[in-house]
């Protein structure tokens, strides 16, 4: 049985999320929790929160405990980009891109 959790429009570039999710891809849920707990990145908190939601969805759907679950699929996609301006010298303006992303975590039984 597979269960998923999707978090949309996270105010963080997908590149920063991918740095974290590449480490936990394919791991068991208990091992991924331990890894994410000690990662120094803010993106690790987002992935950890989404992983807990996926585990809760699996527990609600099929009553599986977290020890039997494995991360079957995890990915971050780019979302909308807000274009902003930064005032510079002599009346110029530089473009600033405020990127956001979507995070999807799928967990399945550990077989």
PDB file of N, CA and C in Angstrom:
ATOM      1  N   UNK A   1       0.841  -1.180   0.000  1.00  0.00           N
ATOM      2  CA  UNK A   1       0.000   0.000   0.000  1.00  0.00           C
ATOM      3  C   UNK A   1       0.882   1.238   0.000  1.00  0.00           C
ATOM      4  N   UNK A   2       0.551   2.197  -0.857  1.00  0.00           N
ATOM      5  CA  UNK A   2       1.335   3.416  -0.955  1.00  0.00           C
ATOM      6  C   UNK A   2       0.502   4.603  -0.493  1.00  0.00           C
ATOM      7  N   UNK A   3       1.158   5.510   0.204  1.00  0.00           N
ATOM      8  CA  UNK A   3       0.501   6.713   0.687  1.00  0.00           C
ATOM      9  C   UNK A   3       1.391   7.901   0.368  1.00  0.00           C
ATOM     10  N   UNK A   4       0.793   9.069   0.158  1.00  0.00           N
ATOM     11  CA  UNK A   4       1.593  10.222  -0.214  1.00  0.00           C
ATOM     12  C   UNK A   4       1.163  11.472   0.529  1.00  0.00           C
ATOM     13  N   UNK A   5       2.040  12.456   0.457  1.00  0.00           N
ATOM     14  CA  UNK A   5       1.774  13.763   1.040  1.00  0.00           C
ATOM     15  C   UNK A   5       2.390  14.805   0.112  1.00  0.00           C
ATOM     16  N   UNK A   6       1.627  15.851  -0.184  1.00  0.00           N
ATOM     17  CA  UNK A   6       2.087  16.900  -1.076  1.00  0.00           C
ATOM     18  C   UNK A   6       2.002  18.237  -0.353  1.00  0.00           C
ATOM     19  N   UNK A   7       3.084  18.993  -0.410  1.00  0.00           N
ATOM     20  CA  UNK A   7       3.087  20.341   0.158  1.00  0.00           C
ATOM     21  C   UNK A   7       3.381  21.300  -0.991  1.00  0.00           C
ATOM     22  N   UNK A   8       2.501  22.260  -1.201  1.00  0.00           N
ATOM     23  CA  UNK A   8       2.631  23.149  -2.346  1.00  0.00           C
ATOM     24  C   UNK A   8       3.059  24.550  -1.931  1.00  0.00           C
ATOM     25  N   UNK A   9       3.713  25.205  -2.861  1.00  0.00           N
ATOM     26  CA  UNK A   9       4.146  26.597  -2.730  1.00  0.00           C
ATOM     27  C   UNK A   9       4.981  26.848  -1.477  1.00  0.00           C
ATOM     28  N   UNK A  10       6.022  26.052  -1.305  1.00  0.00           N
ATOM     29  CA  UNK A  10       6.986  26.280  -0.234  1.00  0.00           C
ATOM     30  C   UNK A  10       7.880  27.430  -0.676  1.00  0.00           C
ATOM     31  N   UNK A  11       8.081  28.407   0.170  1.00  0.00           N
ATOM     32  CA  UNK A  11       8.866  29.578  -0.200  1.00  0.00           C
ATOM     33  C   UNK A  11      10.368  29.270  -0.136  1.00  0.00           C
ATOM     34  N   UNK A  12      10.795  28.373  -1.019  1.00  0.00           N
ATOM     35  CA  UNK A  12      12.172  27.942  -1.052  1.00  0.00           C
ATOM     36  C   UNK A  12      12.443  27.351  -2.435  1.00  0.00           C
ATOM     37  N   UNK A  13      13.593  27.600  -3.007  1.00  0.00           N
ATOM     38  CA  UNK A  13      13.881  27.018  -4.320  1.00  0.00           C
ATOM     39  C   UNK A  13      13.952  25.489  -4.259  1.00  0.00           C
ATOM     40  N   UNK A  14      13.569  24.860  -5.339  1.00  0.00           N
ATOM     41  CA  UNK A  14      13.607  23.395  -5.405  1.00  0.00           C
ATOM     42  C   UNK A  14      15.035  22.883  -5.283  1.00  0.00           C
ATOM     43  N   UNK A  15      15.991  23.665  -5.702  1.00  0.00           N
ATOM     44  CA  UNK A  15      17.407  23.278  -5.617  1.00  0.00           C
ATOM     45  C   UNK A  15      17.820  23.024  -4.170  1.00  0.00           C
ATOM     46  N   UNK A  16      17.342  23.850  -3.238  1.00  0.00           N
ATOM     47  CA  UNK A  16      17.691  23.671  -1.825  1.00  0.00           C
ATOM     48  C   UNK A  16      16.980  22.466  -1.228  1.00  0.00           C
ATOM     49  N   UNK A  17      15.766  22.189  -1.680  1.00  0.00           N
ATOM     50  CA  UNK A  17      15.054  20.997  -1.213  1.00  0.00           C
ATOM     51  C   UNK A  17      15.714  19.733  -1.736  1.00  0.00           C
ATOM     52  N   UNK A  18      16.156  19.756  -2.981  1.00  0.00           N
ATOM     53  CA  UNK A  18      16.764  18.568  -3.578  1.00  0.00           C
ATOM     54  C   UNK A  18      18.049  18.174  -2.875  1.00  0.00           C
ATOM     55  N   UNK A  19      18.750  19.159  -2.328  1.00  0.00           N
ATOM     56  CA  UNK A  19      19.973  18.880  -1.575  1.00  0.00           C
ATOM     57  C   UNK A  19      19.674  17.966  -0.383  1.00  0.00           C
ATOM     58  N   UNK A  20      18.502  18.122   0.202  1.00  0.00           N
ATOM     59  CA  UNK A  20      18.112  17.328   1.359  1.00  0.00           C
ATOM     60  C   UNK A  20      17.478  16.004   0.929  1.00  0.00           C
ATOM     61  N   UNK A  21      16.572  16.038  -0.061  1.00  0.00           N
ATOM     62  CA  UNK A  21      15.831  14.824  -0.401  1.00  0.00           C
ATOM     63  C   UNK A  21      16.700  13.782  -1.085  1.00  0.00           C
ATOM     64  N   UNK A  22      17.806  14.198  -1.698  1.00  0.00           N
ATOM     65  CA  UNK A  22      18.704  13.216  -2.299  1.00  0.00           C
ATOM     66  C   UNK A  22      19.374  12.336  -1.248  1.00  0.00           C
ATOM     67  N   UNK A  23      19.486  12.836  -0.029  1.00  0.00           N
ATOM     68  CA  UNK A  23      20.106  12.070   1.046  1.00  0.00           C
ATOM     69  C   UNK A  23      19.155  10.999   1.579  1.00  0.00           C
ATOM     70  N   UNK A  24      17.861  11.309   1.675  1.00  0.00           N
ATOM     71  CA  UNK A  24      16.915  10.382   2.310  1.00  0.00           C
ATOM     72  C   UNK A  24      16.154   9.504   1.321  1.00  0.00           C
ATOM     73  N   UNK A  25      16.354   9.697   0.042  1.00  0.00           N
ATOM     74  CA  UNK A  25      15.632   8.909  -0.970  1.00  0.00           C
ATOM     75  C   UNK A  25      15.956   7.426  -0.821  1.00  0.00           C
ATOM     76  N   UNK A  26      14.886   6.587  -0.737  1.00  0.00           N
ATOM     77  CA  UNK A  26      15.044   5.142  -0.656  1.00  0.00           C
ATOM     78  C   UNK A  26      15.287   4.588   0.733  1.00  0.00           C
ATOM     79  N   UNK A  27      15.395   5.444   1.736  1.00  0.00           N
ATOM     80  CA  UNK A  27      15.654   4.998   3.107  1.00  0.00           C
ATOM     81  C   UNK A  27      14.348   4.607   3.801  1.00  0.00           C
ATOM     82  N   UNK A  28      14.462   3.877   4.901  1.00  0.00           N
ATOM     83  CA  UNK A  28      13.285   3.592   5.711  1.00  0.00           C
ATOM     84  C   UNK A  28      12.888   4.871   6.447  1.00  0.00           C
ATOM     85  N   UNK A  29      11.660   4.908   6.934  1.00  0.00           N
ATOM     86  CA  UNK A  29      11.149   6.121   7.579  1.00  0.00           C
ATOM     87  C   UNK A  29      11.917   6.420   8.866  1.00  0.00           C
ATOM     88  N   UNK A  30      12.212   5.406   9.655  1.00  0.00           N
ATOM     89  CA  UNK A  30      12.930   5.644  10.915  1.00  0.00           C
ATOM     90  C   UNK A  30      14.343   6.159  10.655  1.00  0.00           C
ATOM     91  N   UNK A  31      14.997   5.614   9.636  1.00  0.00           N
ATOM     92  CA  UNK A  31      16.342   6.073   9.293  1.00  0.00           C
ATOM     93  C   UNK A  31      16.303   7.502   8.744  1.00  0.00           C
ATOM     94  N   UNK A  32      15.301   7.810   7.921  1.00  0.00           N
ATOM     95  CA  UNK A  32      15.163   9.149   7.360  1.00  0.00           C
ATOM     96  C   UNK A  32      14.874  10.177   8.452  1.00  0.00           C
ATOM     97  N   UNK A  33      14.078   9.807   9.436  1.00  0.00           N
ATOM     98  CA  UNK A  33      13.794  10.727  10.552  1.00  0.00           C
ATOM     99  C   UNK A  33      15.073  11.092  11.285  1.00  0.00           C
ATOM    100  N   UNK A  34      15.927  10.089  11.539  1.00  0.00           N
ATOM    101  CA  UNK A  34      17.184  10.343  12.244  1.00  0.00           C
ATOM    102  C   UNK A  34      18.098  11.253  11.435  1.00  0.00           C
ATOM    103  N   UNK A  35      18.164  11.020  10.134  1.00  0.00           N
ATOM    104  CA  UNK A  35      19.018  11.839   9.278  1.00  0.00           C
ATOM    105  C   UNK A  35      18.512  13.283   9.242  1.00  0.00           C
ATOM    106  N   UNK A  36      17.207  13.456   9.044  1.00  0.00           N
ATOM    107  CA  UNK A  36      16.630  14.796   8.916  1.00  0.00           C
ATOM    108  C   UNK A  36      16.721  15.596  10.210  1.00  0.00           C
ATOM    109  N   UNK A  37      16.650  14.905  11.330  1.00  0.00           N
ATOM    110  CA  UNK A  37      16.685  15.591  12.620  1.00  0.00           C
ATOM    111  C   UNK A  37      17.999  16.340  12.823  1.00  0.00           C
ATOM    112  N   UNK A  38      19.099  15.784  12.311  1.00  0.00           N
ATOM    113  CA  UNK A  38      20.407  16.388  12.551  1.00  0.00           C
ATOM    114  C   UNK A  38      20.963  17.148  11.354  1.00  0.00           C
ATOM    115  N   UNK A  39      20.181  17.313  10.297  1.00  0.00           N
ATOM    116  CA  UNK A  39      20.631  18.120   9.167  1.00  0.00           C
ATOM    117  C   UNK A  39      20.488  19.599   9.516  1.00  0.00           C
ATOM    118  N   UNK A  40      21.480  20.427   9.176  1.00  0.00           N
ATOM    119  CA  UNK A  40      21.436  21.837   9.581  1.00  0.00           C
ATOM    120  C   UNK A  40      20.607  22.737   8.681  1.00  0.00           C
ATOM    121  N   UNK A  41      19.973  22.198   7.648  1.00  0.00           N
ATOM    122  CA  UNK A  41      19.267  23.029   6.679  1.00  0.00           C
ATOM    123  C   UNK A  41      17.810  23.233   7.079  1.00  0.00           C
ATOM    124  N   UNK A  42      17.264  24.411   6.735  1.00  0.00           N
ATOM    125  CA  UNK A  42      15.852  24.682   6.971  1.00  0.00           C
ATOM    126  C   UNK A  42      14.986  23.782   6.097  1.00  0.00           C
ATOM    127  N   UNK A  43      15.490  23.417   4.931  1.00  0.00           N
ATOM    128  CA  UNK A  43      14.758  22.522   4.034  1.00  0.00           C
ATOM    129  C   UNK A  43      14.517  21.163   4.690  1.00  0.00           C
ATOM    130  N   UNK A  44      15.393  20.757   5.582  1.00  0.00           N
ATOM    131  CA  UNK A  44      15.222  19.481   6.286  1.00  0.00           C
ATOM    132  C   UNK A  44      13.970  19.509   7.160  1.00  0.00           C
ATOM    133  N   UNK A  45      13.634  20.655   7.738  1.00  0.00           N
ATOM    134  CA  UNK A  45      12.416  20.768   8.541  1.00  0.00           C
ATOM    135  C   UNK A  45      11.181  20.601   7.660  1.00  0.00           C
ATOM    136  N   UNK A  46      11.215  21.162   6.455  1.00  0.00           N
ATOM    137  CA  UNK A  46      10.084  21.033   5.529  1.00  0.00           C
ATOM    138  C   UNK A  46       9.892  19.577   5.100  1.00  0.00           C
ATOM    139  N   UNK A  47      10.984  18.904   4.773  1.00  0.00           N
ATOM    140  CA  UNK A  47      10.918  17.506   4.344  1.00  0.00           C
ATOM    141  C   UNK A  47      10.464  16.629   5.507  1.00  0.00           C
ATOM    142  N   UNK A  48      10.949  16.922   6.701  1.00  0.00           N
ATOM    143  CA  UNK A  48      10.569  16.154   7.892  1.00  0.00           C
ATOM    144  C   UNK A  48       9.069  16.287   8.169  1.00  0.00           C
ATOM    145  N   UNK A  49       8.549  17.499   8.051  1.00  0.00           N
ATOM    146  CA  UNK A  49       7.125  17.734   8.284  1.00  0.00           C
ATOM    147  C   UNK A  49       6.269  17.005   7.245  1.00  0.00           C
ATOM    148  N   UNK A  50       6.700  17.035   6.001  1.00  0.00           N
ATOM    149  CA  UNK A  50       5.963  16.367   4.939  1.00  0.00           C
ATOM    150  C   UNK A  50       6.053  14.851   5.067  1.00  0.00           C
ATOM    151  N   UNK A  51       7.197  14.345   5.515  1.00  0.00           N
ATOM    152  CA  UNK A  51       7.353  12.904   5.744  1.00  0.00           C
ATOM    153  C   UNK A  51       6.414  12.430   6.852  1.00  0.00           C
ATOM    154  N   UNK A  52       6.292  13.215   7.908  1.00  0.00           N
ATOM    155  CA  UNK A  52       5.383  12.855   9.006  1.00  0.00           C
ATOM    156  C   UNK A  52       3.936  12.828   8.521  1.00  0.00           C
ATOM    157  N   UNK A  53       3.572  13.740   7.624  1.00  0.00           N
ATOM    158  CA  UNK A  53       2.219  13.758   7.072  1.00  0.00           C
ATOM    159  C   UNK A  53       1.970  12.512   6.222  1.00  0.00           C
ATOM    160  N   UNK A  54       2.962  12.084   5.457  1.00  0.00           N
ATOM    161  CA  UNK A  54       2.823  10.882   4.634  1.00  0.00           C
ATOM    162  C   UNK A  54       2.691   9.637   5.505  1.00  0.00           C
ATOM    163  N   UNK A  55       3.440   9.596   6.596  1.00  0.00           N
ATOM    164  CA  UNK A  55       3.352   8.463   7.531  1.00  0.00           C
ATOM    165  C   UNK A  55       1.982   8.444   8.201  1.00  0.00           C
ATOM    166  N   UNK A  56       1.473   9.609   8.581  1.00  0.00           N
ATOM    167  CA  UNK A  56       0.146   9.690   9.193  1.00  0.00           C
ATOM    168  C   UNK A  56      -0.929   9.266   8.204  1.00  0.00           C
ATOM    169  N   UNK A  57      -0.772   9.634   6.925  1.00  0.00           N
ATOM    170  CA  UNK A  57      -1.723   9.208   5.904  1.00  0.00           C
ATOM    171  C   UNK A  57      -1.703   7.689   5.737  1.00  0.00           C
ATOM    172  N   UNK A  58      -0.520   7.088   5.785  1.00  0.00           N
ATOM    173  CA  UNK A  58      -0.410   5.635   5.659  1.00  0.00           C
ATOM    174  C   UNK A  58      -1.031   4.933   6.860  1.00  0.00           C
ATOM    175  N   UNK A  59      -0.835   5.508   8.052  1.00  0.00           N
ATOM    176  CA  UNK A  59      -1.421   4.927   9.255  1.00  0.00           C
ATOM    177  C   UNK A  59      -2.943   5.011   9.213  1.00  0.00           C
ATOM    178  N   UNK A  60      -3.454   6.107   8.673  1.00  0.00           N
ATOM    179  CA  UNK A  60      -4.906   6.288   8.585  1.00  0.00           C
ATOM    180  C   UNK A  60      -5.516   5.362   7.531  1.00  0.00           C
ATOM    181  N   UNK A  61      -4.819   5.213   6.400  1.00  0.00           N
ATOM    182  CA  UNK A  61      -5.338   4.408   5.306  1.00  0.00           C
ATOM    183  C   UNK A  61      -5.315   2.914   5.612  1.00  0.00           C
ATOM    184  N   UNK A  62      -4.141   2.431   6.032  1.00  0.00           N
ATOM    185  CA  UNK A  62      -3.978   0.983   6.162  1.00  0.00           C
ATOM    186  C   UNK A  62      -3.530   0.528   7.539  1.00  0.00           C
ATOM    187  N   UNK A  63      -3.336   1.446   8.466  1.00  0.00           N
ATOM    188  CA  UNK A  63      -2.958   1.079   9.821  1.00  0.00           C
ATOM    189  C   UNK A  63      -1.531   0.575   9.938  1.00  0.00           C
ATOM    190  N   UNK A  64      -0.654   0.952   9.009  1.00  0.00           N
ATOM    191  CA  UNK A  64       0.735   0.499   9.043  1.00  0.00           C
ATOM    192  C   UNK A  64       1.550   1.345  10.011  1.00  0.00           C
ATOM    193  N   UNK A  65       2.365   0.716  10.845  1.00  0.00           N
ATOM    194  CA  UNK A  65       3.257   1.495  11.709  1.00  0.00           C
ATOM    195  C   UNK A  65       4.426   2.061  10.897  1.00  0.00           C
ATOM    196  N   UNK A  66       5.060   3.094  11.419  1.00  0.00           N
ATOM    197  CA  UNK A  66       6.135   3.774  10.697  1.00  0.00           C
ATOM    198  C   UNK A  66       7.355   2.883  10.495  1.00  0.00           C
ATOM    199  N   UNK A  67       7.543   1.889  11.360  1.00  0.00           N
ATOM    200  CA  UNK A  67       8.715   1.017  11.252  1.00  0.00           C
ATOM    201  C   UNK A  67       8.671   0.146  10.001  1.00  0.00           C
ATOM    202  N   UNK A  68       7.491  -0.059   9.443  1.00  0.00           N
ATOM    203  CA  UNK A  68       7.351  -0.917   8.266  1.00  0.00           C
ATOM    204  C   UNK A  68       7.342  -0.119   6.964  1.00  0.00           C
ATOM    205  N   UNK A  69       7.492   1.191   7.040  1.00  0.00           N
ATOM    206  CA  UNK A  69       7.390   2.027   5.847  1.00  0.00           C
ATOM    207  C   UNK A  69       8.761   2.432   5.324  1.00  0.00           C
ATOM    208  N   UNK A  70       8.804   2.659   4.018  1.00  0.00           N
ATOM    209  CA  UNK A  70      10.011   3.075   3.322  1.00  0.00           C
ATOM    210  C   UNK A  70       9.642   4.205   2.368  1.00  0.00           C
ATOM    211  N   UNK A  71      10.553   5.152   2.156  1.00  0.00           N
ATOM    212  CA  UNK A  71      10.297   6.233   1.208  1.00  0.00           C
ATOM    213  C   UNK A  71      10.453   5.660  -0.194  1.00  0.00           C
ATOM    214  N   UNK A  72       9.326   5.495  -0.882  1.00  0.00           N
ATOM    215  CA  UNK A  72       9.367   4.905  -2.216  1.00  0.00           C
ATOM    216  C   UNK A  72       9.644   5.953  -3.279  1.00  0.00           C
ATOM    217  N   UNK A  73       9.184   7.168  -3.064  1.00  0.00           N
ATOM    218  CA  UNK A  73       9.364   8.222  -4.050  1.00  0.00           C
ATOM    219  C   UNK A  73       9.363   9.560  -3.327  1.00  0.00           C
ATOM    220  N   UNK A  74      10.288  10.426  -3.694  1.00  0.00           N
ATOM    221  CA  UNK A  74      10.338  11.768  -3.116  1.00  0.00           C
ATOM    222  C   UNK A  74      10.940  12.705  -4.161  1.00  0.00           C
ATOM    223  N   UNK A  75      10.269  13.818  -4.408  1.00  0.00           N
ATOM    224  CA  UNK A  75      10.780  14.765  -5.397  1.00  0.00           C
ATOM    225  C   UNK A  75      10.273  16.170  -5.115  1.00  0.00           C
ATOM    226  N   UNK A  76      11.026  17.143  -5.637  1.00  0.00           N
ATOM    227  CA  UNK A  76      10.675  18.559  -5.505  1.00  0.00           C
ATOM    228  C   UNK A  76      10.579  19.162  -6.898  1.00  0.00           C
ATOM    229  N   UNK A  77       9.480  19.831  -7.175  1.00  0.00           N
ATOM    230  CA  UNK A  77       9.259  20.489  -8.453  1.00  0.00           C
ATOM    231  C   UNK A  77       9.227  22.000  -8.248  1.00  0.00           C
ATOM    232  N   UNK A  78       9.585  22.722  -9.300  1.00  0.00           N
ATOM    233  CA  UNK A  78       9.525  24.169  -9.219  1.00  0.00           C
ATOM    234  C   UNK A  78       8.079  24.639  -9.306  1.00  0.00           C
ATOM    235  N   UNK A  79       7.787  25.709  -8.602  1.00  0.00           N
ATOM    236  CA  UNK A  79       6.463  26.305  -8.599  1.00  0.00           C
ATOM    237  C   UNK A  79       6.586  27.701  -9.227  1.00  0.00           C
ATOM    238  N   UNK A  80       5.704  28.584  -8.846  1.00  0.00           N
ATOM    239  CA  UNK A  80       5.723  29.927  -9.408  1.00  0.00           C
ATOM    240  C   UNK A  80       6.954  30.696  -8.945  1.00  0.00           C
ATOM    241  N   UNK A  81       7.400  31.598  -9.779  1.00  0.00           N
ATOM    242  CA  UNK A  81       8.524  32.465  -9.449  1.00  0.00           C
ATOM    243  C   UNK A  81       8.027  33.903  -9.443  1.00  0.00           C
ATOM    244  N   UNK A  82       8.239  34.585  -8.332  1.00  0.00           N
ATOM    245  CA  UNK A  82       7.861  35.986  -8.224  1.00  0.00           C
ATOM    246  C   UNK A  82       9.029  36.846  -8.690  1.00  0.00           C
ATOM    247  N   UNK A  83       8.760  37.778  -9.588  1.00  0.00           N
ATOM    248  CA  UNK A  83       9.807  38.657 -10.084  1.00  0.00           C
ATOM    249  C   UNK A  83       9.761  39.957  -9.288  1.00  0.00           C
ATOM    250  N   UNK A  84      10.876  40.291  -8.682  1.00  0.00           N
ATOM    251  CA  UNK A  84      10.979  41.493  -7.871  1.00  0.00           C
ATOM    252  C   UNK A  84      12.168  42.313  -8.346  1.00  0.00           C
ATOM    253  N   UNK A  85      12.243  43.544  -7.912  1.00  0.00           N
ATOM    254  CA  UNK A  85      13.333  44.423  -8.316  1.00  0.00           C
ATOM    255  C   UNK A  85      14.147  44.888  -7.137  1.00  0.00           C
ATOM    256  N   UNK A  86      15.439  45.070  -7.354  1.00  0.00           N
ATOM    257  CA  UNK A  86      16.343  45.581  -6.330  1.00  0.00           C
ATOM    258  C   UNK A  86      16.918  46.898  -6.852  1.00  0.00           C
ATOM    259  N   UNK A  87      16.639  48.021  -6.195  1.00  0.00           N
ATOM    260  CA  UNK A  87      17.180  49.297  -6.668  1.00  0.00           C
ATOM    261  C   UNK A  87      18.704  49.310  -6.606  1.00  0.00           C
ATOM    262  N   UNK A  88      19.318  49.823  -7.673  1.00  0.00           N
ATOM    263  CA  UNK A  88      20.768  49.911  -7.742  1.00  0.00           C
ATOM    264  C   UNK A  88      21.178  51.356  -8.051  1.00  0.00           C
ATOM    265  N   UNK A  89      22.437  51.562  -8.213  1.00  0.00           N
ATOM    266  CA  UNK A  89      22.958  52.915  -8.424  1.00  0.00           C
ATOM    267  C   UNK A  89      22.512  53.485  -9.769  1.00  0.00           C
ATOM    268  N   UNK A  90      22.409  54.803  -9.822  1.00  0.00           N
ATOM    269  CA  UNK A  90      22.098  55.571 -11.026  1.00  0.00           C
ATOM    270  C   UNK A  90      20.747  55.196 -11.631  1.00  0.00           C
ATOM    271  N   UNK A  91      19.778  54.898 -10.784  1.00  0.00           N
ATOM    272  CA  UNK A  91      18.417  54.658 -11.238  1.00  0.00           C
ATOM    273  C   UNK A  91      18.173  53.307 -11.887  1.00  0.00           C
ATOM    274  N   UNK A  92      19.142  52.430 -11.821  1.00  0.00           N
ATOM    275  CA  UNK A  92      18.956  51.100 -12.409  1.00  0.00           C
ATOM    276  C   UNK A  92      18.230  50.200 -11.424  1.00  0.00           C
ATOM    277  N   UNK A  93      17.782  49.052 -11.942  1.00  0.00           N
ATOM    278  CA  UNK A  93      17.126  48.061 -11.099  1.00  0.00           C
ATOM    279  C   UNK A  93      17.592  46.681 -11.551  1.00  0.00           C
ATOM    280  N   UNK A  94      17.899  45.837 -10.595  1.00  0.00           N
ATOM    281  CA  UNK A  94      18.316  44.472 -10.896  1.00  0.00           C
ATOM    282  C   UNK A  94      17.155  43.535 -10.597  1.00  0.00           C
ATOM    283  N   UNK A  95      17.011  42.490 -11.410  1.00  0.00           N
ATOM    284  CA  UNK A  95      15.947  41.513 -11.190  1.00  0.00           C
ATOM    285  C   UNK A  95      16.297  40.602 -10.024  1.00  0.00           C
ATOM    286  N   UNK A  96      15.293  40.320  -9.211  1.00  0.00           N
ATOM    287  CA  UNK A  96      15.421  39.342  -8.123  1.00  0.00           C
ATOM    288  C   UNK A  96      14.301  38.346  -8.303  1.00  0.00           C
ATOM    289  N   UNK A  97      14.616  37.071  -8.274  1.00  0.00           N
ATOM    290  CA  UNK A  97      13.617  36.028  -8.434  1.00  0.00           C
ATOM    291  C   UNK A  97      13.362  35.372  -7.087  1.00  0.00           C
ATOM    292  N   UNK A  98      12.103  35.392  -6.647  1.00  0.00           N
ATOM    293  CA  UNK A  98      11.708  34.726  -5.399  1.00  0.00           C
ATOM    294  C   UNK A  98      11.069  33.400  -5.792  1.00  0.00           C
ATOM    295  N   UNK A  99      11.838  32.342  -5.709  1.00  0.00           N
ATOM    296  CA  UNK A  99      11.383  31.047  -6.197  1.00  0.00           C
ATOM    297  C   UNK A  99      10.622  30.278  -5.113  1.00  0.00           C
ATOM    298  N   UNK A 100       9.704  29.425  -5.558  1.00  0.00           N
ATOM    299  CA  UNK A 100       8.976  28.546  -4.646  1.00  0.00           C
ATOM    300  C   UNK A 100       8.895  27.167  -5.293  1.00  0.00           C
ATOM    301  N   UNK A 101       8.450  26.181  -4.514  1.00  0.00           N
ATOM    302  CA  UNK A 101       8.475  24.810  -5.021  1.00  0.00           C
ATOM    303  C   UNK A 101       7.376  23.962  -4.390  1.00  0.00           C
ATOM    304  N   UNK A 102       7.154  22.795  -4.992  1.00  0.00           N
ATOM    305  CA  UNK A 102       6.222  21.789  -4.488  1.00  0.00           C
ATOM    306  C   UNK A 102       7.042  20.581  -4.044  1.00  0.00           C
ATOM    307  N   UNK A 103       6.637  19.962  -2.944  1.00  0.00           N
ATOM    308  CA  UNK A 103       7.333  18.787  -2.421  1.00  0.00           C
ATOM    309  C   UNK A 103       6.361  17.627  -2.331  1.00  0.00           C
ATOM    310  N   UNK A 104       6.739  16.469  -2.869  1.00  0.00           N
ATOM    311  CA  UNK A 104       5.904  15.273  -2.832  1.00  0.00           C
ATOM    312  C   UNK A 104       6.699  14.140  -2.196  1.00  0.00           C
ATOM    313  N   UNK A 105       6.087  13.483  -1.203  1.00  0.00           N
ATOM    314  CA  UNK A 105       6.690  12.327  -0.540  1.00  0.00           C
ATOM    315  C   UNK A 105       5.716  11.173  -0.624  1.00  0.00           C
ATOM    316  N   UNK A 106       6.189  10.016  -1.101  1.00  0.00           N
ATOM    317  CA  UNK A 106       5.384   8.801  -1.144  1.00  0.00           C
ATOM    318  C   UNK A 106       6.058   7.737  -0.322  1.00  0.00           C
ATOM    319  N   UNK A 107       5.302   7.105   0.546  1.00  0.00           N
ATOM    320  CA  UNK A 107       5.844   6.009   1.384  1.00  0.00           C
ATOM    321  C   UNK A 107       5.064   4.730   1.063  1.00  0.00           C
ATOM    322  N   UNK A 108       5.759   3.619   1.128  1.00  0.00           N
ATOM    323  CA  UNK A 108       5.164   2.314   0.876  1.00  0.00           C
ATOM    324  C   UNK A 108       5.707   1.321   1.890  1.00  0.00           C
ATOM    325  N   UNK A 109       5.091   0.137   1.952  1.00  0.00           N
ATOM    326  CA  UNK A 109       5.576  -0.865   2.898  1.00  0.00           C
ATOM    327  C   UNK A 109       6.951  -1.342   2.477  1.00  0.00           C
ATOM    328  N   UNK A 110       7.758  -1.677   3.467  1.00  0.00           N
ATOM    329  CA  UNK A 110       9.176  -1.975   3.311  1.00  0.00           C
ATOM    330  C   UNK A 110       9.393  -3.393   2.800  1.00  0.00           C
ATOM    331  N   UNK A 111       9.146  -3.623   1.517  1.00  0.00           N
ATOM    332  CA  UNK A 111       9.348  -4.953   0.929  1.00  0.00           C
ATOM    333  C   UNK A 111      10.146  -4.868  -0.333  1.00  0.00           C
TER     334      UNK A 111
END
